[in-house]
């Protein structure tokens, strides 16, 4: 995996919905599980959400927090 893709996904801001304005890494796991059950959007954002789902599912969130840009 390209490290830039991971960095971009971690810092992508959710553009809509209940968590609009939050970075994808900061989305609650139940929200990502909901997306997983309903289907991720067919877009770059959908791919990034799917990646964050896998990150949280595998307990890697803490390892990626230093990558967050403030």
Protein backbone atom coordinates (compact mmCIF):
# COMPACT_ATOMS: atom_id res chain seq x y z
CA UNK A 1 0.00 0.00 0.00
CA UNK A 2 1.17 3.48 -0.83
CA UNK A 3 1.89 5.39 2.40
CA UNK A 4 0.49 8.58 0.83
CA UNK A 5 -2.90 6.86 0.32
CA UNK A 6 -2.94 5.90 3.99
CA UNK A 7 -1.93 9.39 5.09
CA UNK A 8 -4.64 10.91 2.88
CA UNK A 9 -7.29 8.52 4.24
CA UNK A 10 -6.36 9.18 7.87
CA UNK A 11 -6.66 12.93 7.31
CA UNK A 12 -9.68 12.96 5.00
CA UNK A 13 -12.56 14.94 6.49
CA UNK A 14 -16.02 13.37 6.43
CA UNK A 15 -17.98 15.61 4.02
CA UNK A 16 -21.54 14.70 5.04
CA UNK A 17 -23.80 13.13 7.62
CA UNK A 18 -23.83 12.98 11.38
CA UNK A 19 -20.03 13.15 11.61
CA UNK A 20 -19.46 15.85 8.99
CA UNK A 21 -16.18 17.64 9.65
CA UNK A 22 -14.46 14.80 11.51
CA UNK A 23 -11.34 13.11 10.20
CA UNK A 24 -12.02 9.56 9.02
CA UNK A 25 -9.66 8.08 11.62
CA UNK A 26 -11.75 9.79 14.32
CA UNK A 27 -15.07 8.28 13.18
CA UNK A 28 -16.65 5.94 15.73
CA UNK A 29 -16.24 2.26 14.94
CA UNK A 30 -20.02 1.58 15.01
CA UNK A 31 -20.47 4.17 12.23
CA UNK A 32 -17.92 2.37 10.07
CA UNK A 33 -19.54 -0.98 10.87
CA UNK A 34 -22.87 0.48 9.74
CA UNK A 35 -21.29 1.60 6.46
CA UNK A 36 -19.77 -1.87 6.05
CA UNK A 37 -23.17 -3.50 6.46
CA UNK A 38 -24.92 -1.07 4.07
CA UNK A 39 -22.07 -0.82 1.56
CA UNK A 40 -19.41 1.83 1.22
CA UNK A 41 -19.94 4.52 -1.44
CA UNK A 42 -18.47 3.68 -4.84
CA UNK A 43 -15.90 6.46 -4.74
CA UNK A 44 -12.51 7.43 -3.36
CA UNK A 45 -14.23 8.34 -0.09
CA UNK A 46 -15.80 4.88 0.01
CA UNK A 47 -12.38 3.29 -0.40
CA UNK A 48 -11.02 5.47 2.39
CA UNK A 49 -13.93 4.58 4.69
CA UNK A 50 -13.37 0.88 3.96
CA UNK A 51 -9.70 1.31 4.84
CA UNK A 52 -10.58 3.02 8.15
CA UNK A 53 -13.01 0.17 8.87
CA UNK A 54 -10.15 -2.33 8.43
CA UNK A 55 -7.82 -0.18 10.55
CA UNK A 56 -10.28 -0.11 13.44
CA UNK A 57 -11.27 -3.75 13.02
CA UNK A 58 -7.63 -4.75 13.42
CA UNK A 59 -6.90 -2.39 16.33
CA UNK A 60 -4.42 -0.21 14.42
CA UNK A 61 -6.01 3.15 15.19
CA UNK A 62 -3.51 4.03 17.92
CA UNK A 63 -0.59 3.38 15.62
CA UNK A 64 -1.98 5.83 13.03
CA UNK A 65 -2.96 8.68 15.38
CA UNK A 66 0.48 10.33 15.06
CA UNK A 67 -0.28 10.74 11.34
CA UNK A 68 -3.20 13.11 12.02
CA UNK A 69 -2.67 16.69 10.88
CA UNK A 70 -4.25 19.30 13.10
